[in-house]
Amino acid sequence: MTQIERPLDVVILAAGQGTRMKSELPKVLHPVAGRPMVAWAVRAAQALGARRIVVVTGHGAEQVEAALQQPGVAFARQHGQLGTGHAFLAGADALSDEGDADILVLYGDTPLLRPETLRALLDDHRAHASAFTILTGELPDATGYGRIIRDAAGNVERIVEQKGATPEEQAVREFNSGVYVMDGRAPALARRITNDNAAGEYYLTDLLALYRAEGASVRAFKLDDPDEVMGANDRAGLAEAEAILRRRLNAGHMRAGVTMHDPDSVRIEDTVRIGRDVTLEPGVILRGDTRIADGVTVGAYSVLTDSVLEEGAVVKAHSVLEGAHVGPGSDVGPFARLRPGTVLEGGVHIGNFVETKAARLGPGVKAGHLAYLGDVEIGSETNVGAGTIVANFDGVNKHRSTVGAGVFIGSNSTLIAPRVIGDAAFIAAGSAVHEDVPEGAMAVARGKQRNVEGWSRRYWGGMREKVGQKLPWLAGWLERQG
């Protein structure tokens, strides 16, 4: 059949309160795989090349609209919760009056619906010159859904809601998903929907009878996977949707060349981008605007948010990265924390229990253990000893320090910011550096050691009885001293 090409407008119904979520957050803003539920519907509409996307808001309208501010997305307010037909009309009023477009109705709480499924629905609608096409599914038990009732020839005759269905109709397995594609007559026909029902609401399903009364073609397009139209009405449904999307996303990454030792334990948000030959060990969590290049390894139970890992980087187990940039061939962890503004250039080594913040570390810098590096720039090939602290905060303001290339910072040193340490400088272990250190100089900033002979015998000897009770090894030593 010849397919009719028309513009596509999309109305997304997202005005409901979602009381079963038990939350102050509007239902459609609860996230699934890194996006608010309603954002998945917007994304699907964009993937279809929609001319106009109108999101109908109601409960928490300001929050929903703020979350979806982007080009090509408009909003319409539904004042009063008077049913799906009433909500659709609020959105339809924001569409063109030309009547030249197909209109797709989506929902803000069905994040699993694939753009590919909607494309197939739209193609079927146009190929058969249908006026009204319903996306349906089939379940062994469709309790709770409206049933699709067909005539003897298999044509869609009507939709029967659960509470109004006869026992024979309740046994029907084909259900109404609530997703429709309609021609440009839909807004005018929707204005003829009445609320003459027990709930006193305007039901969008009544459009089917109105189209049929005009002799228009009505079709049903049955999807293969009924899970795609599963709504998330409470926290349990939200977790189920998250699990389905996670499996879907992980499978896509693995097909694209990512190794996951235990994919069921790996959580990757939809906004993350990953290259080839990447290895993700069990328990890894990747969030936000994270970008991972080819050949990277992320160790078990590491959490990366809004971070960039360049080619060949290694993040070892139990490390946390937030807003960090890790250069090629660098390694981080285990048990390291890279906070926002951290930039590691090529070949940097960050070891266990090292924390960085707003720090740039040049090529080949090594900080192997137990260090805090905040608001500092460190030159290439510098060695940062265990226990080093950049004391960047004076109680009111943060101060920035600069450490040159080839510097050796001895263990347990403190750089009291703002400091400038010149190239090839040497800082002796245990120093509290409160002045700048020139290039090539050694800084020693610690109290002079003084050994007091016989102190232990004199001090502990006066408490010999107590020492004997609590520290028998020390009592033995005192005994040997006479």
Protein backbone atom coordinates (compact mmCIF):
# COMPACT_ATOMS: atom_id res chain seq x y z
CA MET A 1 0.00 0.00 0.00
CA THR A 2 1.08 3.58 -0.64
CA GLN A 3 1.99 5.29 2.59
CA ILE A 4 0.54 8.75 3.19
CA GLU A 5 3.17 11.20 4.40
CA ARG A 6 1.83 13.85 6.76
CA PRO A 7 3.33 15.93 9.53
CA LEU A 8 3.17 14.42 13.01
CA ASP A 9 2.06 16.24 16.14
CA VAL A 10 2.37 14.57 19.53
CA VAL A 11 0.31 15.19 22.66
CA ILE A 12 1.79 13.76 25.87
CA LEU A 13 -0.65 13.47 28.78
CA ALA A 14 1.28 14.19 31.99
CA ALA A 15 -1.17 15.98 34.29
CA GLY A 16 -1.97 13.24 36.79
CA GLN A 17 -1.04 13.42 40.46
CA GLY A 18 0.04 9.81 40.92
CA THR A 19 -1.02 9.49 44.57
CA ARG A 20 0.20 5.90 44.76
CA MET A 21 3.79 7.14 44.46
CA LYS A 22 3.40 8.65 47.94
CA SER A 23 5.69 11.51 46.95
CA GLU A 24 5.90 15.29 46.80
CA LEU A 25 7.56 14.88 43.39
CA PRO A 26 5.09 14.76 40.48
CA LYS A 27 4.67 11.19 39.31
CA VAL A 28 6.00 11.78 35.79
CA LEU A 29 9.23 13.29 37.12
CA HIS A 30 10.30 10.14 38.96
CA PRO A 31 13.46 9.01 37.14
CA VAL A 32 13.95 5.76 35.26
CA ALA A 33 17.45 4.96 33.97
CA GLY A 34 18.55 8.55 34.40
CA ARG A 35 15.60 10.38 32.83
CA PRO A 36 12.28 11.51 34.28
CA MET A 37 9.55 9.17 33.03
CA VAL A 38 7.93 11.90 30.95
CA ALA A 39 11.28 12.69 29.29
CA TRP A 40 11.23 9.21 27.74
CA ALA A 41 7.96 10.09 25.99
CA VAL A 42 9.43 13.39 24.78
CA ARG A 43 12.50 11.56 23.51
CA ALA A 44 10.36 9.06 21.62
CA ALA A 45 8.39 11.89 20.00
CA GLN A 46 11.61 13.59 18.94
CA ALA A 47 12.92 10.32 17.48
CA LEU A 48 9.79 10.21 15.28
CA GLY A 49 10.56 13.68 13.93
CA ALA A 50 7.45 15.26 15.44
CA ARG A 51 6.59 18.71 14.17
CA ARG A 52 5.02 19.75 17.47
CA ILE A 53 5.27 18.17 20.92
CA VAL A 54 2.73 19.37 23.47
CA VAL A 55 2.99 18.15 27.07
CA VAL A 56 -0.26 18.48 29.03
CA THR A 57 0.54 19.36 32.64
CA GLY A 58 -1.57 19.69 35.75
CA HIS A 59 -0.32 18.47 39.11
CA GLY A 60 3.12 20.01 39.72
CA ALA A 61 2.90 21.79 36.38
CA GLU A 62 5.70 24.25 37.15
CA GLN A 63 8.12 21.46 38.08
CA VAL A 64 7.25 19.35 35.04
CA GLU A 65 7.58 22.25 32.65
CA ALA A 66 10.89 23.34 34.17
CA ALA A 67 12.27 19.81 33.74
CA LEU A 68 11.34 19.64 30.05
CA GLN A 69 12.41 23.08 28.86
CA GLN A 70 13.93 22.46 25.43
CA PRO A 71 13.35 23.59 21.85
CA GLY A 72 10.29 22.10 20.18
CA VAL A 73 8.44 21.25 23.41
CA ALA A 74 5.34 23.27 24.30
CA PHE A 75 3.01 22.98 27.27
CA ALA A 76 -0.71 23.13 27.92
CA ARG A 77 -2.34 23.19 31.37
CA GLN A 78 -5.24 20.91 32.27
CA HIS A 79 -7.29 22.72 34.89
CA GLY A 80 -9.14 20.07 36.84
CA GLN A 81 -8.73 16.30 36.48
CA LEU A 82 -11.72 15.56 34.26
CA GLY A 83 -10.45 12.55 32.33
CA THR A 84 -8.24 11.70 29.36
CA GLY A 85 -10.57 13.32 26.84
CA HIS A 86 -10.45 16.58 28.76
CA ALA A 87 -6.64 16.37 28.99
CA PHE A 88 -6.31 15.68 25.26
CA LEU A 89 -8.42 18.73 24.41
CA ALA A 90 -6.14 20.92 26.54
CA GLY A 91 -3.22 19.72 24.41
CA ALA A 92 -5.09 19.81 21.11
CA ASP A 93 -5.87 23.49 21.61
CA ALA A 94 -2.13 24.11 21.38
CA LEU A 95 -1.86 22.36 18.00
CA SER A 96 -2.28 23.81 14.55
CA ASP A 97 -5.81 24.47 13.28
CA GLU A 98 -4.79 23.32 9.82
CA GLY A 99 -5.79 19.69 10.46
CA ASP A 100 -2.99 18.50 8.19
CA ALA A 101 -1.16 16.31 10.70
CA ASP A 102 -1.48 12.92 12.25
CA ILE A 103 -1.78 13.22 16.04
CA LEU A 104 -0.09 10.72 18.36
CA VAL A 105 -1.20 10.47 21.98
CA LEU A 106 1.40 9.31 24.51
CA TYR A 107 1.58 9.25 28.31
CA GLY A 108 4.10 10.61 30.77
CA ASP A 109 4.25 7.45 32.88
CA THR A 110 5.08 4.80 30.24
CA PRO A 111 8.87 5.06 29.81
CA LEU A 112 9.32 1.63 28.19
CA LEU A 113 7.64 2.40 24.87
CA ARG A 114 10.27 2.16 22.15
CA PRO A 115 10.51 4.69 19.30
CA GLU A 116 10.77 1.69 16.94
CA THR A 117 7.37 0.45 18.08
CA LEU A 118 5.81 3.87 17.60
CA ARG A 119 7.37 4.13 14.14
CA ALA A 120 5.82 0.79 13.20
CA LEU A 121 2.45 1.97 14.58
CA LEU A 122 2.64 5.20 12.58
CA ASP A 123 3.68 3.37 9.40
CA ASP A 124 0.78 0.95 9.75
CA HIS A 125 -1.66 3.81 10.34
CA ARG A 126 -0.52 5.60 7.21
CA ALA A 127 -0.12 2.54 5.01
CA HIS A 128 -3.77 1.57 5.62
CA ALA A 129 -5.05 5.16 5.42
CA SER A 130 -6.55 4.69 8.85
CA ALA A 131 -8.32 7.54 10.59
CA PHE A 132 -7.91 6.16 14.10
CA THR A 133 -5.37 3.48 15.08
CA ILE A 134 -5.11 1.97 18.56
CA LEU A 135 -1.92 0.45 19.91
CA THR A 136 -2.98 -2.79 21.57
CA GLY A 137 -1.31 -5.68 23.34
CA GLU A 138 -2.22 -9.14 24.51
CA LEU A 139 -1.93 -10.62 27.99
CA PRO A 140 -3.04 -13.94 29.47
CA ASP A 141 -4.98 -11.87 32.00
CA ALA A 142 -5.78 -8.31 30.96
CA THR A 143 -7.56 -7.40 34.19
CA GLY A 144 -7.58 -3.65 34.74
CA TYR A 145 -7.30 -2.74 31.07
CA GLY A 146 -9.98 -1.78 28.59
CA ARG A 147 -10.68 -4.69 26.20
CA ILE A 148 -10.61 -4.49 22.42
CA ILE A 149 -13.84 -5.92 21.04
CA ARG A 150 -13.79 -6.92 17.38
CA ASP A 151 -16.60 -7.87 15.03
CA ALA A 152 -16.85 -11.15 13.12
CA ALA A 153 -14.58 -9.80 10.39
CA GLY A 154 -11.90 -8.86 12.91
CA ASN A 155 -12.48 -5.12 12.72
CA VAL A 156 -12.28 -3.05 15.91
CA GLU A 157 -15.83 -2.45 17.07
CA ARG A 158 -15.44 -0.84 20.49
CA ILE A 159 -13.37 -0.56 23.66
CA VAL A 160 -14.98 -1.86 26.83
CA GLU A 161 -13.64 -0.74 30.20
CA GLN A 162 -13.01 -3.38 32.87
CA LYS A 163 -15.83 -2.26 35.15
CA GLY A 164 -18.36 -2.30 32.32
CA ALA A 165 -17.30 -5.58 30.69
CA THR A 166 -19.41 -8.75 30.65
CA PRO A 167 -17.77 -12.03 31.74
CA GLU A 168 -17.25 -12.89 28.05
CA GLU A 169 -15.64 -9.50 27.38
CA GLN A 170 -13.44 -9.81 30.48
CA ALA A 171 -12.06 -13.04 29.01
CA VAL A 172 -10.72 -11.11 25.99
CA ARG A 173 -6.92 -10.98 26.11
CA GLU A 174 -6.36 -8.02 23.76
CA PHE A 175 -6.20 -4.76 25.69
CA ASN A 176 -6.18 -1.05 24.96
CA SER A 177 -2.83 0.62 25.72
CA GLY A 178 -4.30 4.13 25.53
CA VAL A 179 -1.81 5.09 22.79
CA TYR A 180 -3.52 6.32 19.62
CA VAL A 181 -2.71 7.78 16.24
CA MET A 182 -5.51 9.93 14.81
CA ASP A 183 -6.02 12.10 11.80
CA GLY A 184 -6.60 15.84 11.93
CA ARG A 185 -10.31 15.46 12.77
CA ALA A 186 -9.49 14.33 16.31
CA PRO A 187 -9.66 17.73 18.08
CA ALA A 188 -13.06 18.55 16.56
CA LEU A 189 -14.44 15.09 17.35
CA ALA A 190 -13.03 15.21 20.88
CA ARG A 191 -15.10 18.32 21.57
CA ARG A 192 -18.19 16.13 21.12
CA ILE A 193 -17.18 13.73 23.90
CA THR A 194 -19.59 13.92 26.86
CA ASN A 195 -19.15 13.07 30.51
CA ASP A 196 -22.36 11.05 30.67
CA ASN A 197 -20.90 8.26 32.77
CA ALA A 198 -20.69 7.20 36.40
CA ALA A 199 -17.41 9.06 36.98
CA GLY A 200 -18.57 12.25 35.24
CA GLU A 201 -15.34 12.32 33.19
CA TYR A 202 -14.48 12.76 29.52
CA TYR A 203 -12.91 9.57 28.14
CA LEU A 204 -10.65 9.66 25.09
CA THR A 205 -11.76 6.10 24.25
CA ASP A 206 -15.11 7.60 23.19
CA LEU A 207 -13.35 8.89 20.06
CA LEU A 208 -13.52 5.40 18.59
CA ALA A 209 -17.33 5.48 18.39
CA LEU A 210 -17.27 9.03 17.02
CA TYR A 211 -14.90 8.02 14.21
CA ARG A 212 -16.96 4.93 13.43
CA ALA A 213 -20.12 7.06 13.30
CA GLU A 214 -18.48 9.03 10.50
CA GLY A 215 -17.70 5.82 8.62
CA ALA A 216 -13.98 6.34 9.13
CA SER A 217 -11.45 3.51 9.13
CA VAL A 218 -10.47 2.32 12.61
CA ARG A 219 -7.59 -0.11 13.15
CA ALA A 220 -5.69 -1.82 15.95
CA PHE A 221 -1.93 -2.35 15.81
CA LYS A 222 -0.81 -5.08 18.19
CA LEU A 223 2.64 -4.73 19.73
CA ASP A 224 4.88 -7.74 20.26
CA ASP A 225 5.93 -6.97 23.83
CA PRO A 226 3.13 -5.81 26.15
CA ASP A 227 5.72 -4.68 28.72
CA GLU A 228 6.37 -1.66 26.52
CA VAL A 229 3.13 0.00 27.61
CA MET A 230 3.47 -0.91 31.27
CA GLY A 231 2.87 2.15 33.40
CA ALA A 232 4.75 2.89 36.62
CA ASN A 233 2.06 3.82 39.13
CA ASP A 234 3.96 3.23 42.38
CA ARG A 235 7.52 2.65 43.60
CA ALA A 236 7.32 -1.07 42.85
CA GLY A 237 6.28 -0.34 39.26
CA LEU A 238 9.06 2.22 39.02
CA ALA A 239 11.63 -0.39 40.08
CA GLU A 240 10.23 -2.89 37.58
CA ALA A 241 10.47 -0.35 34.76
CA GLU A 242 14.02 0.50 35.83
CA ALA A 243 15.01 -3.17 35.71
CA ILE A 244 13.54 -3.66 32.23
CA LEU A 245 15.22 -0.53 30.86
CA ARG A 246 18.51 -1.43 32.52
CA ARG A 247 18.54 -4.86 30.88
CA ARG A 248 17.67 -3.25 27.56
CA LEU A 249 20.44 -0.63 27.84
CA ASN A 250 23.06 -3.11 29.04
CA ALA A 251 22.27 -5.50 26.21
CA GLY A 252 22.76 -2.66 23.72
CA HIS A 253 26.15 -1.76 25.20
CA MET A 254 27.30 -5.38 25.18
CA ARG A 255 26.28 -5.78 21.54
CA ALA A 256 28.33 -2.63 20.83
CA GLY A 257 31.51 -4.12 22.30
CA VAL A 258 31.34 -3.58 26.09
CA THR A 259 32.23 -6.46 28.43
CA MET A 260 30.17 -6.85 31.60
CA HIS A 261 31.09 -9.69 33.94
CA ASP A 262 27.73 -9.45 35.73
CA PRO A 263 25.33 -7.31 33.68
CA ASP A 264 22.47 -7.69 36.16
CA SER A 265 24.50 -5.77 38.74
CA VAL A 266 25.66 -2.96 36.41
CA ARG A 267 23.56 0.23 36.26
CA ILE A 268 24.06 2.59 33.34
CA GLU A 269 21.90 5.64 32.78
CA ASP A 270 20.66 6.29 29.27
CA THR A 271 22.70 9.50 29.01
CA VAL A 272 26.04 7.66 29.33
CA ARG A 273 28.18 6.99 26.25
CA ILE A 274 30.67 4.09 26.14
CA GLY A 275 33.28 3.08 23.57
CA ARG A 276 34.47 -0.36 22.48
CA ASP A 277 36.56 -2.89 24.39
CA VAL A 278 35.48 -1.35 27.68
CA THR A 279 35.25 -3.65 30.70
CA LEU A 280 32.74 -2.98 33.46
CA GLU A 281 33.16 -5.14 36.54
CA PRO A 282 30.26 -6.11 38.85
CA GLY A 283 28.40 -3.38 40.69
CA VAL A 284 29.53 -0.47 38.51
CA ILE A 285 27.19 2.55 38.36
CA LEU A 286 27.52 5.09 35.52
CA ARG A 287 25.43 8.25 35.71
CA GLY A 288 24.70 11.50 33.96
CA ASP A 289 26.94 12.94 31.26
CA THR A 290 29.63 10.28 31.60
CA ARG A 291 31.80 9.50 28.57
CA ILE A 292 34.03 6.44 28.43
CA ALA A 293 36.53 5.96 25.59
CA ASP A 294 37.81 2.72 24.08
CA GLY A 295 39.81 0.25 26.15
CA VAL A 296 38.81 1.57 29.59
CA THR A 297 38.35 -0.67 32.63
CA VAL A 298 36.05 0.33 35.50
CA GLY A 299 36.53 -1.74 38.64
CA ALA A 300 33.90 -3.34 40.81
CA TYR A 301 31.47 -1.12 42.73
CA SER A 302 32.83 2.14 41.35
CA VAL A 303 30.42 5.04 40.81
CA LEU A 304 31.03 7.55 38.01
CA THR A 305 28.90 10.67 37.55
CA ASP A 306 29.35 13.29 34.81
CA SER A 307 32.92 12.13 34.23
CA VAL A 308 35.18 11.53 31.22
CA LEU A 309 37.58 8.60 30.94
CA GLU A 310 39.99 8.75 28.02
CA GLU A 311 41.40 5.78 26.15
CA GLY A 312 43.06 3.10 28.24
CA ALA A 313 42.22 4.63 31.61
CA VAL A 314 41.68 2.30 34.56
CA VAL A 315 39.42 2.99 37.52
CA LYS A 316 39.97 0.39 40.22
CA ALA A 317 37.38 -0.99 42.62
CA HIS A 318 35.28 1.13 44.99
CA SER A 319 36.26 4.50 43.52
CA VAL A 320 33.91 7.49 43.22
CA LEU A 321 34.28 10.06 40.42
CA GLU A 322 32.11 13.18 40.14
CA GLY A 323 32.68 15.68 37.35
CA ALA A 324 36.21 14.38 36.80
CA HIS A 325 38.32 14.01 33.65
CA VAL A 326 40.78 11.11 33.57
CA GLY A 327 43.40 11.26 30.85
CA PRO A 328 44.68 8.44 28.65
CA GLY A 329 46.52 5.66 30.42
CA SER A 330 45.85 7.06 33.88
CA ASP A 331 44.78 4.84 36.75
CA VAL A 332 42.64 5.66 39.75
CA GLY A 333 42.01 3.78 42.98
CA PRO A 334 41.08 1.53 44.58
CA PHE A 335 39.03 3.53 47.09
CA ALA A 336 39.79 6.91 45.49
CA ARG A 337 37.51 9.91 45.25
CA LEU A 338 37.77 12.44 42.41
CA ARG A 339 35.50 15.41 42.99
CA PRO A 340 34.26 18.05 40.48
CA GLY A 341 36.94 19.96 38.62
CA THR A 342 39.53 17.21 38.81
CA VAL A 343 41.59 16.80 35.62
CA LEU A 344 44.18 14.05 35.33
CA GLU A 345 46.40 14.27 32.28
CA GLY A 346 48.07 11.24 30.69
CA GLY A 347 49.67 8.52 32.78
CA VAL A 348 48.66 9.89 36.18
CA HIS A 349 48.49 7.49 39.13
CA ILE A 350 45.97 8.12 41.90
CA GLY A 351 46.13 5.45 44.58
CA ASN A 352 43.99 4.27 47.47
CA PHE A 353 42.28 6.79 49.74
CA VAL A 354 43.35 9.80 47.69
CA GLU A 355 40.82 12.61 47.29
CA THR A 356 41.06 15.42 44.72
CA LYS A 357 38.93 18.51 44.15
CA ALA A 358 39.37 21.25 41.53
CA ALA A 359 42.81 19.79 40.91
CA ARG A 360 44.80 19.48 37.68
CA LEU A 361 47.53 16.87 37.73
CA GLY A 362 50.03 16.92 34.87
CA PRO A 363 51.38 13.92 32.97
CA GLY A 364 52.98 11.25 35.10
CA VAL A 365 52.02 12.69 38.50
CA LYS A 366 51.84 10.05 41.24
CA ALA A 367 49.82 10.28 44.45
CA GLY A 368 49.84 6.76 45.76
CA HIS A 369 48.18 6.86 49.16
CA LEU A 370 46.16 8.81 51.69
CA ALA A 371 46.28 12.34 50.29
CA TYR A 372 43.96 15.34 49.88
CA LEU A 373 44.67 17.52 46.85
CA GLY A 374 42.22 20.42 46.65
CA ASP A 375 42.40 23.60 44.54
CA VAL A 376 45.85 22.81 43.19
CA GLU A 377 47.71 22.48 39.92
CA ILE A 378 50.57 19.95 39.95
CA GLY A 379 53.22 19.77 37.23
CA SER A 380 54.39 16.68 35.39
CA GLU A 381 56.25 13.81 37.06
CA THR A 382 55.73 15.16 40.56
CA ASN A 383 55.54 12.62 43.40
CA VAL A 384 53.04 13.23 46.19
CA GLY A 385 53.88 11.29 49.33
CA ALA A 386 51.46 9.44 51.58
CA GLY A 387 49.55 11.65 53.98
CA THR A 388 50.04 14.85 51.97
CA ILE A 389 47.39 17.53 52.47
CA VAL A 390 46.83 20.74 50.52
CA ALA A 391 45.24 22.92 53.21
CA ASN A 392 43.15 25.03 50.84
CA PHE A 393 40.51 26.44 53.21
CA ASP A 394 41.12 29.14 55.82
CA GLY A 395 37.65 28.91 57.33
CA VAL A 396 36.17 31.52 55.00
CA ASN A 397 37.77 31.24 51.56
CA LYS A 398 39.34 28.58 49.37
CA HIS A 399 42.87 29.31 48.11
CA ARG A 400 44.66 27.84 45.12
CA SER A 401 48.22 26.50 45.03
CA THR A 402 50.64 25.61 42.26
CA VAL A 403 53.21 22.83 42.40
CA GLY A 404 55.82 22.68 39.63
CA ALA A 405 57.13 19.75 37.59
CA GLY A 406 59.42 17.09 39.04
CA VAL A 407 58.69 18.02 42.66
CA PHE A 408 59.12 15.49 45.47
CA ILE A 409 56.67 15.96 48.33
CA GLY A 410 57.62 13.84 51.32
CA SER A 411 55.10 11.86 53.32
CA ASN A 412 52.85 13.59 55.84
CA SER A 413 53.49 17.08 54.46
CA THR A 414 50.99 19.95 54.54
CA LEU A 415 50.98 22.74 51.95
CA ILE A 416 49.23 25.72 53.52
CA ALA A 417 47.56 27.52 50.59
CA PRO A 418 48.05 29.69 48.69
CA ARG A 419 51.52 28.29 47.91
CA VAL A 420 53.80 28.17 44.89
CA ILE A 421 56.29 25.31 44.79
CA GLY A 422 58.91 25.63 42.07
CA ASP A 423 60.07 22.94 39.64
CA ALA A 424 62.33 20.21 41.01
CA ALA A 425 61.76 21.36 44.61
CA PHE A 426 62.00 18.88 47.48
CA ILE A 427 59.74 18.99 50.52
CA ALA A 428 61.00 17.00 53.48
CA ALA A 429 58.64 14.52 55.09
CA GLY A 430 56.46 15.90 57.85
CA SER A 431 56.83 19.54 56.76
CA ALA A 432 54.10 22.16 57.19
CA VAL A 433 54.96 24.46 54.28
CA HIS A 434 53.73 28.01 54.92
CA GLU A 435 56.06 29.86 52.52
CA ASP A 436 56.69 29.46 48.81
CA VAL A 437 59.53 27.12 47.80
CA PRO A 438 61.86 28.27 44.99
CA GLU A 439 62.83 26.07 42.06
CA GLY A 440 65.31 23.38 43.02
CA ALA A 441 65.17 24.19 46.75
CA MET A 442 64.45 21.87 49.66
CA ALA A 443 61.91 22.93 52.29
CA VAL A 444 62.12 21.59 55.82
CA ALA A 445 59.35 22.94 58.02
CA ARG A 446 59.05 20.91 61.20
CA GLY A 447 60.02 21.21 64.85
CA LYS A 448 63.52 20.10 65.88
CA GLN A 449 63.54 16.65 67.44
CA ARG A 450 64.64 16.39 71.09
CA ASN A 451 65.25 13.02 72.81
CA VAL A 452 64.77 12.97 76.62
CA GLU A 453 66.84 10.10 78.00
CA GLY A 454 65.26 7.87 80.68
CA TRP A 455 61.81 9.47 80.34
CA SER A 456 59.84 6.23 80.15
CA ARG A 457 61.44 4.74 83.29
CA ARG A 458 60.81 7.88 85.34
CA TYR A 459 57.25 8.48 84.07
CA TRP A 460 55.88 4.95 84.13
CA GLY A 461 57.85 3.92 87.19
CA GLY A 462 55.68 6.20 89.31
CA MET A 463 52.63 4.22 88.22
CA ARG A 464 54.19 0.79 88.51
CA GLU A 465 51.15 -0.87 90.17
CA LYS A 466 48.67 0.48 87.60
CA VAL A 467 51.02 -0.38 84.74
CA GLY A 468 51.33 -3.93 86.06
CA GLN A 469 47.57 -4.38 85.91
CA LYS A 470 46.94 -2.90 82.46
CA LEU A 471 50.21 -3.10 80.54
CA PRO A 472 52.06 -6.24 81.63
CA TRP A 473 54.58 -5.96 78.79
CA LEU A 474 55.57 -2.47 80.02
CA ALA A 475 55.77 -3.71 83.62
CA GLY A 476 58.19 -6.41 82.45
CA TRP A 477 60.34 -3.80 80.73
CA LEU A 478 60.41 -1.64 83.87
CA GLU A 479 61.41 -4.68 85.91
CA ARG A 480 64.33 -5.33 83.61
CA GLN A 481 65.40 -1.68 83.97
CA GLY A 482 65.61 -2.06 87.73
